[in-house]
Amino acid sequence: KINLLRKVPAMKDGDFTLAESIAILLYLCRKYQTPDHWYPEDPL
């Protein structure tokens, strides 16, 4: 019910669920506005 792919990691944030580690990492970066060095704004 959390992840139909039956893989970990998986995330549930309220009613929103998300699979795949890279997608989860990027979600956390954006939602929690983590320091820039983790996923820099600089395009290069």
All heavy atoms as atom14 arrays in JSON, in Angstrom:
{
  "sequence": "KINLLRKVPAMKDGDFTLAESIAILLYLCRKYQTPDHWYPEDPL",
  "atom14_mask": [
    [1, 1, 1, 1, 1, 1, 1, 1, 1, 0, 0, 0, 0, 0],
    [1, 1, 1, 1, 1, 1, 1, 1, 0, 0, 0, 0, 0, 0],
    [1, 1, 1, 1, 1, 1, 1, 1, 0, 0, 0, 0, 0, 0],
    [1, 1, 1, 1, 1, 1, 1, 1, 0, 0, 0, 0, 0, 0],
    [1, 1, 1, 1, 1, 1, 1, 1, 0, 0, 0, 0, 0, 0],
    [1, 1, 1, 1, 1, 1, 1, 1, 1, 1, 1, 0, 0, 0],
    [1, 1, 1, 1, 1, 1, 1, 1, 1, 0, 0, 0, 0, 0],
    [1, 1, 1, 1, 1, 1, 1, 0, 0, 0, 0, 0, 0, 0],
    [1, 1, 1, 1, 1, 1, 1, 0, 0, 0, 0, 0, 0, 0],
    [1, 1, 1, 1, 1, 0, 0, 0, 0, 0, 0, 0, 0, 0],
    [1, 1, 1, 1, 1, 1, 1, 1, 0, 0, 0, 0, 0, 0],
    [1, 1, 1, 1, 1, 1, 1, 1, 1, 0, 0, 0, 0, 0],
    [1, 1, 1, 1, 1, 1, 1, 1, 0, 0, 0, 0, 0, 0],
    [1, 1, 1, 1, 0, 0, 0, 0, 0, 0, 0, 0, 0, 0],
    [1, 1, 1, 1, 1, 1, 1, 1, 0, 0, 0, 0, 0, 0],
    [1, 1, 1, 1, 1, 1, 1, 1, 1, 1, 1, 0, 0, 0],
    [1, 1, 1, 1, 1, 1, 1, 0, 0, 0, 0, 0, 0, 0],
    [1, 1, 1, 1, 1, 1, 1, 1, 0, 0, 0, 0, 0, 0],
    [1, 1, 1, 1, 1, 0, 0, 0, 0, 0, 0, 0, 0, 0],
    [1, 1, 1, 1, 1, 1, 1, 1, 1, 0, 0, 0, 0, 0],
    [1, 1, 1, 1, 1, 1, 0, 0, 0, 0, 0, 0, 0, 0],
    [1, 1, 1, 1, 1, 1, 1, 1, 0, 0, 0, 0, 0, 0],
    [1, 1, 1, 1, 1, 0, 0, 0, 0, 0, 0, 0, 0, 0],
    [1, 1, 1, 1, 1, 1, 1, 1, 0, 0, 0, 0, 0, 0],
    [1, 1, 1, 1, 1, 1, 1, 1, 0, 0, 0, 0, 0, 0],
    [1, 1, 1, 1, 1, 1, 1, 1, 0, 0, 0, 0, 0, 0],
    [1, 1, 1, 1, 1, 1, 1, 1, 1, 1, 1, 1, 0, 0],
    [1, 1, 1, 1, 1, 1, 1, 1, 0, 0, 0, 0, 0, 0],
    [1, 1, 1, 1, 1, 1, 0, 0, 0, 0, 0, 0, 0, 0],
    [1, 1, 1, 1, 1, 1, 1, 1, 1, 1, 1, 0, 0, 0],
    [1, 1, 1, 1, 1, 1, 1, 1, 1, 0, 0, 0, 0, 0],
    [1, 1, 1, 1, 1, 1, 1, 1, 1, 1, 1, 1, 0, 0],
    [1, 1, 1, 1, 1, 1, 1, 1, 1, 0, 0, 0, 0, 0],
    [1, 1, 1, 1, 1, 1, 1, 0, 0, 0, 0, 0, 0, 0],
    [1, 1, 1, 1, 1, 1, 1, 0, 0, 0, 0, 0, 0, 0],
    [1, 1, 1, 1, 1, 1, 1, 1, 0, 0, 0, 0, 0, 0],
    [1, 1, 1, 1, 1, 1, 1, 1, 1, 1, 0, 0, 0, 0],
    [1, 1, 1, 1, 1, 1, 1, 1, 1, 1, 1, 1, 1, 1],
    [1, 1, 1, 1, 1, 1, 1, 1, 1, 1, 1, 1, 0, 0],
    [1, 1, 1, 1, 1, 1, 1, 0, 0, 0, 0, 0, 0, 0],
    [1, 1, 1, 1, 1, 1, 1, 1, 1, 0, 0, 0, 0, 0],
    [1, 1, 1, 1, 1, 1, 1, 1, 0, 0, 0, 0, 0, 0],
    [1, 1, 1, 1, 1, 1, 1, 0, 0, 0, 0, 0, 0, 0],
    [1, 1, 1, 1, 1, 1, 1, 1, 0, 0, 0, 0, 0, 0]
  ],
  "atom14_positions": [
    [[0.83, -1.21, 0.0], [0.0, 0.0, 0.0], [0.87, 1.26, 0.0], [0.42, 2.32, -0.42], [-0.92, 0.01, 1.22], [-1.92, -1.14, 1.24], [-2.7, -1.16, 2.55], [-3.63, -2.37, 2.6], [-4.35, -2.44, 3.9], [0.0, 0.0, 0.0], [0.0, 0.0, 0.0], [0.0, 0.0, 0.0], [0.0, 0.0, 0.0], [0.0, 0.0, 0.0]],
    [[2.08, 1.12, 0.48], [3.03, 2.24, 0.48], [3.78, 2.29, -0.84], [3.97, 3.35, -1.44], [4.02, 2.11, 1.65], [3.28, 2.06, 2.98], [5.04, 3.25, 1.63], [2.47, 3.31, 3.3], [0.0, 0.0, 0.0], [0.0, 0.0, 0.0], [0.0, 0.0, 0.0], [0.0, 0.0, 0.0], [0.0, 0.0, 0.0], [0.0, 0.0, 0.0]],
    [[4.24, 1.13, -1.29], [5.02, 1.07, -2.53], [4.68, -0.21, -3.3], [5.11, -1.31, -2.92], [6.52, 1.12, -2.24], [7.35, 1.18, -3.51], [6.83, 1.34, -4.6], [8.65, 1.05, -3.36], [0.0, 0.0, 0.0], [0.0, 0.0, 0.0], [0.0, 0.0, 0.0], [0.0, 0.0, 0.0], [0.0, 0.0, 0.0], [0.0, 0.0, 0.0]],
    [[3.92, -0.05, -4.35], [3.51, -1.2, -5.15], [4.7, -1.87, -5.83], [4.62, -3.03, -6.24], [2.49, -0.75, -6.2], [1.7, -1.85, -6.92], [0.94, -2.72, -5.91], [0.73, -1.24, -7.93], [0.0, 0.0, 0.0], [0.0, 0.0, 0.0], [0.0, 0.0, 0.0], [0.0, 0.0, 0.0], [0.0, 0.0, 0.0], [0.0, 0.0, 0.0]],
    [[5.82, -1.16, -5.94], [7.03, -1.75, -6.5], [7.67, -2.75, -5.54], [8.57, -3.49, -5.93], [8.05, -0.65, -6.85], [7.59, 0.39, -7.87], [8.66, 1.46, -8.03], [7.27, -0.26, -9.21], [0.0, 0.0, 0.0], [0.0, 0.0, 0.0], [0.0, 0.0, 0.0], [0.0, 0.0, 0.0], [0.0, 0.0, 0.0], [0.0, 0.0, 0.0]],
    [[7.25, -2.71, -4.28], [7.74, -3.63, -3.24], [9.25, -3.52, -3.06], [9.97, -4.53, -2.94], [7.32, -5.07, -3.56], [5.8, -5.24, -3.63], [5.4, -6.66, -3.93], [3.96, -6.79, -4.1], [3.07, -6.94, -3.13], [3.5, -6.98, -1.88], [1.78, -7.06, -3.38], [0.0, 0.0, 0.0], [0.0, 0.0, 0.0], [0.0, 0.0, 0.0]],
    [[9.75, -2.29, -3.06], [11.17, -2.03, -2.87], [11.34, -0.95, -1.82], [10.45, -0.12, -1.61], [11.79, -1.54, -4.19], [11.83, -2.58, -5.3], [12.12, -1.93, -6.64], [13.42, -1.15, -6.65], [13.67, -0.51, -7.96], [0.0, 0.0, 0.0], [0.0, 0.0, 0.0], [0.0, 0.0, 0.0], [0.0, 0.0, 0.0], [0.0, 0.0, 0.0]],
    [[12.48, -1.0, -1.16], [12.86, 0.08, -0.26], [14.07, 0.78, -0.86], [14.84, 0.17, -1.61], [13.19, -0.45, 1.16], [11.94, -0.9, 1.88], [14.21, -1.59, 1.12], [0.0, 0.0, 0.0], [0.0, 0.0, 0.0], [0.0, 0.0, 0.0], [0.0, 0.0, 0.0], [0.0, 0.0, 0.0], [0.0, 0.0, 0.0], [0.0, 0.0, 0.0]],
    [[14.21, 2.08, -0.55], [13.4, 2.9, 0.35], [12.07, 3.31, -0.27], [11.91, 3.31, -1.49], [14.29, 4.13, 0.58], [15.04, 4.27, -0.7], [15.33, 2.86, -1.14], [0.0, 0.0, 0.0], [0.0, 0.0, 0.0], [0.0, 0.0, 0.0], [0.0, 0.0, 0.0], [0.0, 0.0, 0.0], [0.0, 0.0, 0.0], [0.0, 0.0, 0.0]],
    [[11.17, 3.67, 0.63], [9.92, 4.29, 0.23], [9.62, 5.4, 1.24], [10.13, 5.37, 2.37], [8.79, 3.28, 0.18], [0.0, 0.0, 0.0], [0.0, 0.0, 0.0], [0.0, 0.0, 0.0], [0.0, 0.0, 0.0], [0.0, 0.0, 0.0], [0.0, 0.0, 0.0], [0.0, 0.0, 0.0], [0.0, 0.0, 0.0], [0.0, 0.0, 0.0]],
    [[8.84, 6.35, 0.81], [8.54, 7.51, 1.64], [7.04, 7.78, 1.66], [6.37, 7.59, 0.65], [9.27, 8.73, 1.09], [9.17, 9.99, 1.93], [9.53, 11.47, 0.92], [7.94, 11.69, 0.1], [0.0, 0.0, 0.0], [0.0, 0.0, 0.0], [0.0, 0.0, 0.0], [0.0, 0.0, 0.0], [0.0, 0.0, 0.0], [0.0, 0.0, 0.0]],
    [[6.55, 8.2, 2.82], [5.17, 8.66, 2.93], [5.2, 9.99, 3.67], [5.72, 10.08, 4.78], [4.31, 7.64, 3.69], [2.81, 7.93, 3.65], [2.03, 6.75, 4.24], [0.53, 6.92, 4.01], [-0.05, 8.02, 4.81], [0.0, 0.0, 0.0], [0.0, 0.0, 0.0], [0.0, 0.0, 0.0], [0.0, 0.0, 0.0], [0.0, 0.0, 0.0]],
    [[4.68, 11.0, 3.05], [4.63, 12.34, 3.65], [3.19, 12.8, 3.59], [2.72, 13.28, 2.56], [5.54, 13.28, 2.86], [5.77, 14.6, 3.62], [5.32, 14.71, 4.77], [6.42, 15.5, 3.04], [0.0, 0.0, 0.0], [0.0, 0.0, 0.0], [0.0, 0.0, 0.0], [0.0, 0.0, 0.0], [0.0, 0.0, 0.0], [0.0, 0.0, 0.0]],
    [[2.48, 12.63, 4.71], [1.05, 12.87, 4.68], [0.38, 11.82, 3.82], [0.54, 10.61, 4.03], [0.0, 0.0, 0.0], [0.0, 0.0, 0.0], [0.0, 0.0, 0.0], [0.0, 0.0, 0.0], [0.0, 0.0, 0.0], [0.0, 0.0, 0.0], [0.0, 0.0, 0.0], [0.0, 0.0, 0.0], [0.0, 0.0, 0.0], [0.0, 0.0, 0.0]],
    [[-0.34, 12.26, 2.81], [-0.99, 11.32, 1.89], [-0.14, 11.04, 0.65], [-0.56, 10.28, -0.23], [-2.35, 11.9, 1.43], [-3.35, 11.99, 2.57], [-3.29, 11.12, 3.47], [-4.17, 12.91, 2.57], [0.0, 0.0, 0.0], [0.0, 0.0, 0.0], [0.0, 0.0, 0.0], [0.0, 0.0, 0.0], [0.0, 0.0, 0.0], [0.0, 0.0, 0.0]],
    [[1.03, 11.65, 0.59], [1.89, 11.53, -0.58], [2.91, 10.42, -0.37], [3.62, 10.41, 0.64], [2.6, 12.85, -0.85], [3.54, 12.83, -2.02], [3.05, 12.73, -3.31], [4.91, 12.93, -1.84], [3.91, 12.71, -4.4], [5.78, 12.92, -2.91], [5.28, 12.81, -4.2], [0.0, 0.0, 0.0], [0.0, 0.0, 0.0], [0.0, 0.0, 0.0]],
    [[2.99, 9.49, -1.32], [3.98, 8.43, -1.24], [4.94, 8.54, -2.42], [4.58, 9.03, -3.49], [3.33, 7.04, -1.24], [2.55, 6.88, -2.43], [2.45, 6.85, -0.01], [0.0, 0.0, 0.0], [0.0, 0.0, 0.0], [0.0, 0.0, 0.0], [0.0, 0.0, 0.0], [0.0, 0.0, 0.0], [0.0, 0.0, 0.0], [0.0, 0.0, 0.0]],
    [[6.16, 8.07, -2.19], [7.2, 8.19, -3.22], [8.14, 7.0, -3.11], [8.51, 6.59, -2.01], [7.97, 9.49, -3.03], [8.95, 9.92, -4.13], [8.22, 10.19, -5.44], [9.73, 11.17, -3.7], [0.0, 0.0, 0.0], [0.0, 0.0, 0.0], [0.0, 0.0, 0.0], [0.0, 0.0, 0.0], [0.0, 0.0, 0.0], [0.0, 0.0, 0.0]],
    [[8.52, 6.47, -4.28], [9.49, 5.38, -4.35], [10.76, 5.89, -5.03], [10.78, 6.99, -5.58], [8.91, 4.2, -5.13], [0.0, 0.0, 0.0], [0.0, 0.0, 0.0], [0.0, 0.0, 0.0], [0.0, 0.0, 0.0], [0.0, 0.0, 0.0], [0.0, 0.0, 0.0], [0.0, 0.0, 0.0], [0.0, 0.0, 0.0], [0.0, 0.0, 0.0]],
    [[11.8, 5.07, -4.97], [13.09, 5.31, -5.61], [13.94, 6.32, -4.82], [13.52, 7.44, -4.57], [12.95, 5.75, -7.06], [12.29, 4.7, -7.94], [13.08, 3.39, -8.0], [14.33, 3.44, -7.96], [12.46, 2.32, -8.09], [0.0, 0.0, 0.0], [0.0, 0.0, 0.0], [0.0, 0.0, 0.0], [0.0, 0.0, 0.0], [0.0, 0.0, 0.0]],
    [[15.14, 5.88, -4.46], [15.99, 6.65, -3.55], [16.36, 8.03, -4.1], [16.37, 9.02, -3.36], [17.26, 5.87, -3.22], [17.98, 5.54, -4.4], [0.0, 0.0, 0.0], [0.0, 0.0, 0.0], [0.0, 0.0, 0.0], [0.0, 0.0, 0.0], [0.0, 0.0, 0.0], [0.0, 0.0, 0.0], [0.0, 0.0, 0.0], [0.0, 0.0, 0.0]],
    [[16.69, 8.11, -5.38], [17.1, 9.4, -5.93], [15.94, 10.39, -5.91], [16.1, 11.56, -5.55], [17.64, 9.25, -7.37], [18.85, 8.28, -7.39], [18.05, 10.61, -7.93], [19.99, 8.67, -6.49], [0.0, 0.0, 0.0], [0.0, 0.0, 0.0], [0.0, 0.0, 0.0], [0.0, 0.0, 0.0], [0.0, 0.0, 0.0], [0.0, 0.0, 0.0]],
    [[14.75, 9.91, -6.26], [13.56, 10.77, -6.21], [13.3, 11.24, -4.78], [12.96, 12.41, -4.55], [12.35, 10.02, -6.75], [0.0, 0.0, 0.0], [0.0, 0.0, 0.0], [0.0, 0.0, 0.0], [0.0, 0.0, 0.0], [0.0, 0.0, 0.0], [0.0, 0.0, 0.0], [0.0, 0.0, 0.0], [0.0, 0.0, 0.0], [0.0, 0.0, 0.0]],
    [[13.49, 10.34, -3.82], [13.27, 10.71, -2.41], [14.31, 11.73, -1.96], [13.98, 12.73, -1.29], [13.31, 9.45, -1.52], [12.1, 8.56, -1.83], [13.32, 9.84, -0.04], [12.17, 7.18, -1.2], [0.0, 0.0, 0.0], [0.0, 0.0, 0.0], [0.0, 0.0, 0.0], [0.0, 0.0, 0.0], [0.0, 0.0, 0.0], [0.0, 0.0, 0.0]],
    [[15.57, 11.52, -2.31], [16.62, 12.47, -1.93], [16.35, 13.86, -2.49], [16.49, 14.88, -1.78], [17.98, 11.97, -2.43], [18.56, 10.76, -1.68], [19.73, 10.17, -2.46], [18.98, 11.14, -0.28], [0.0, 0.0, 0.0], [0.0, 0.0, 0.0], [0.0, 0.0, 0.0], [0.0, 0.0, 0.0], [0.0, 0.0, 0.0], [0.0, 0.0, 0.0]],
    [[15.95, 13.93, -3.75], [15.68, 15.23, -4.36], [14.44, 15.88, -3.74], [14.4, 17.11, -3.56], [15.5, 15.06, -5.87], [16.77, 14.62, -6.62], [16.46, 14.44, -8.1], [17.9, 15.62, -6.44], [0.0, 0.0, 0.0], [0.0, 0.0, 0.0], [0.0, 0.0, 0.0], [0.0, 0.0, 0.0], [0.0, 0.0, 0.0], [0.0, 0.0, 0.0]],
    [[13.46, 15.08, -3.41], [12.26, 15.61, -2.73], [12.64, 16.24, -1.39], [12.2, 17.34, -1.06], [11.25, 14.47, -2.52], [10.02, 14.88, -1.73], [8.92, 15.44, -2.37], [9.97, 14.68, -0.35], [7.78, 15.8, -1.64], [8.85, 15.04, 0.38], [7.75, 15.6, -0.26], [6.63, 15.97, 0.47], [0.0, 0.0, 0.0], [0.0, 0.0, 0.0]],
    [[13.46, 15.52, -0.63], [13.88, 16.03, 0.68], [14.7, 17.31, 0.53], [14.55, 18.26, 1.32], [14.68, 14.97, 1.43], [13.91, 13.69, 1.8], [14.85, 12.69, 2.49], [12.72, 13.99, 2.69], [0.0, 0.0, 0.0], [0.0, 0.0, 0.0], [0.0, 0.0, 0.0], [0.0, 0.0, 0.0], [0.0, 0.0, 0.0], [0.0, 0.0, 0.0]],
    [[15.57, 17.34, -0.48], [16.36, 18.55, -0.76], [15.45, 19.76, -0.96], [15.68, 20.83, -0.39], [17.19, 18.35, -2.03], [18.85, 17.76, -1.77], [0.0, 0.0, 0.0], [0.0, 0.0, 0.0], [0.0, 0.0, 0.0], [0.0, 0.0, 0.0], [0.0, 0.0, 0.0], [0.0, 0.0, 0.0], [0.0, 0.0, 0.0], [0.0, 0.0, 0.0]],
    [[14.45, 19.57, -1.79], [13.6, 20.69, -2.19], [12.63, 21.09, -1.08], [12.46, 22.27, -0.79], [12.85, 20.32, -3.47], [13.77, 20.22, -4.68], [13.16, 19.39, -5.8], [14.07, 19.32, -6.95], [14.05, 18.35, -7.85], [13.18, 17.35, -7.74], [14.9, 18.36, -8.86], [0.0, 0.0, 0.0], [0.0, 0.0, 0.0], [0.0, 0.0, 0.0]],
    [[12.01, 20.1, -0.47], [11.02, 20.44, 0.56], [11.66, 21.09, 1.77], [11.12, 22.06, 2.32], [10.25, 19.18, 0.98], [9.28, 19.49, 2.13], [8.31, 18.39, 2.46], [7.42, 18.86, 3.6], [6.38, 17.87, 3.94], [0.0, 0.0, 0.0], [0.0, 0.0, 0.0], [0.0, 0.0, 0.0], [0.0, 0.0, 0.0], [0.0, 0.0, 0.0]],
    [[12.8, 20.55, 2.2], [13.41, 21.04, 3.43], [14.5, 22.08, 3.18], [15.16, 22.51, 4.12], [13.95, 19.85, 4.24], [12.83, 18.97, 4.74], [12.44, 17.84, 4.03], [12.12, 19.29, 5.89], [11.4, 17.04, 4.47], [11.09, 18.5, 6.35], [10.72, 17.37, 5.63], [9.67, 16.6, 6.07], [0.0, 0.0, 0.0], [0.0, 0.0, 0.0]],
    [[14.66, 22.47, 1.91], [15.6, 23.53, 1.55], [16.95, 23.32, 2.23], [17.46, 24.2, 2.94], [15.0, 24.9, 1.89], [13.72, 25.19, 1.12], [13.14, 26.56, 1.42], [13.26, 27.08, 2.53], [12.51, 27.16, 0.44], [0.0, 0.0, 0.0], [0.0, 0.0, 0.0], [0.0, 0.0, 0.0], [0.0, 0.0, 0.0], [0.0, 0.0, 0.0]],
    [[17.5, 22.15, 2.0], [18.78, 21.8, 2.6], [19.91, 22.67, 2.02], [19.75, 23.26, 0.94], [19.09, 20.31, 2.37], [19.02, 20.03, 0.98], [18.08, 19.44, 3.11], [0.0, 0.0, 0.0], [0.0, 0.0, 0.0], [0.0, 0.0, 0.0], [0.0, 0.0, 0.0], [0.0, 0.0, 0.0], [0.0, 0.0, 0.0], [0.0, 0.0, 0.0]],
    [[21.04, 22.76, 2.69], [22.13, 23.61, 2.19], [22.48, 23.33, 0.74], [22.43, 22.18, 0.28], [23.29, 23.26, 3.14], [22.61, 22.9, 4.42], [21.35, 22.17, 4.01], [0.0, 0.0, 0.0], [0.0, 0.0, 0.0], [0.0, 0.0, 0.0], [0.0, 0.0, 0.0], [0.0, 0.0, 0.0], [0.0, 0.0, 0.0], [0.0, 0.0, 0.0]],
    [[22.85, 24.37, 0.04], [23.02, 24.33, -1.4], [24.04, 23.29, -1.87], [23.91, 22.72, -2.96], [23.44, 25.72, -1.9], [23.6, 25.77, -3.41], [22.57, 25.75, -4.12], [24.75, 25.8, -3.89], [0.0, 0.0, 0.0], [0.0, 0.0, 0.0], [0.0, 0.0, 0.0], [0.0, 0.0, 0.0], [0.0, 0.0, 0.0], [0.0, 0.0, 0.0]],
    [[25.04, 23.0, -1.05], [26.11, 22.11, -1.52], [25.61, 20.7, -1.81], [26.21, 19.97, -2.6], [27.27, 22.06, -0.51], [26.9, 21.5, 0.83], [26.89, 20.16, 1.09], [26.54, 22.11, 1.99], [26.54, 19.96, 2.35], [26.32, 21.12, 2.92], [0.0, 0.0, 0.0], [0.0, 0.0, 0.0], [0.0, 0.0, 0.0], [0.0, 0.0, 0.0]],
    [[24.49, 20.3, -1.2], [23.99, 18.95, -1.45], [23.53, 18.77, -2.9], [23.77, 17.74, -3.51], [22.85, 18.62, -0.49], [23.25, 18.49, 0.93], [22.95, 19.34, 1.95], [24.05, 17.46, 1.5], [23.5, 18.9, 3.13], [24.18, 17.74, 2.88], [24.67, 16.31, 0.99], [24.9, 16.92, 3.75], [25.38, 15.48, 1.85], [25.5, 15.8, 3.21]],
    [[22.83, 19.78, -3.41], [22.33, 19.74, -4.79], [22.37, 21.17, -5.31], [21.37, 21.87, -5.31], [20.91, 19.16, -4.82], [20.45, 18.76, -6.21], [21.19, 17.86, -6.98], [19.27, 19.26, -6.73], [20.76, 17.48, -8.24], [18.83, 18.88, -7.99], [19.58, 17.99, -8.74], [19.15, 17.62, -9.99], [0.0, 0.0, 0.0], [0.0, 0.0, 0.0]],
    [[23.55, 21.62, -5.77], [23.81, 23.04, -5.99], [22.88, 23.7, -7.03], [22.48, 23.07, -8.01], [25.26, 23.05, -6.49], [25.84, 21.77, -6.0], [24.73, 20.79, -6.03], [0.0, 0.0, 0.0], [0.0, 0.0, 0.0], [0.0, 0.0, 0.0], [0.0, 0.0, 0.0], [0.0, 0.0, 0.0], [0.0, 0.0, 0.0], [0.0, 0.0, 0.0]],
    [[22.59, 24.96, -6.78], [21.84, 25.75, -7.75], [22.69, 26.06, -8.99], [22.16, 26.19, -10.09], [21.36, 27.06, -7.11], [20.21, 26.89, -6.14], [18.92, 26.47, -6.84], [18.75, 26.78, -8.04], [18.1, 25.81, -6.19], [0.0, 0.0, 0.0], [0.0, 0.0, 0.0], [0.0, 0.0, 0.0], [0.0, 0.0, 0.0], [0.0, 0.0, 0.0]],
    [[23.99, 26.18, -8.79], [24.88, 26.43, -9.92], [24.68, 25.33, -10.97], [24.83, 24.15, -10.66], [26.33, 26.43, -9.44], [27.32, 26.67, -10.57], [27.66, 25.68, -11.25], [27.71, 27.82, -10.79], [0.0, 0.0, 0.0], [0.0, 0.0, 0.0], [0.0, 0.0, 0.0], [0.0, 0.0, 0.0], [0.0, 0.0, 0.0], [0.0, 0.0, 0.0]],
    [[24.35, 25.69, -12.21], [24.0, 24.67, -13.21], [25.14, 23.7, -13.53], [24.88, 22.52, -13.81], [23.6, 25.49, -14.44], [24.19, 26.84, -14.23], [24.21, 27.06, -12.75], [0.0, 0.0, 0.0], [0.0, 0.0, 0.0], [0.0, 0.0, 0.0], [0.0, 0.0, 0.0], [0.0, 0.0, 0.0], [0.0, 0.0, 0.0], [0.0, 0.0, 0.0]],
    [[26.37, 24.17, -13.48], [27.49, 23.28, -13.79], [27.71, 22.27, -12.66], [27.95, 21.08, -12.91], [28.76, 24.1, -14.04], [28.7, 25.07, -15.22], [30.06, 25.74, -15.42], [28.28, 24.35, -16.51], [0.0, 0.0, 0.0], [0.0, 0.0, 0.0], [0.0, 0.0, 0.0], [0.0, 0.0, 0.0], [0.0, 0.0, 0.0], [0.0, 0.0, 0.0]]
  ]
}
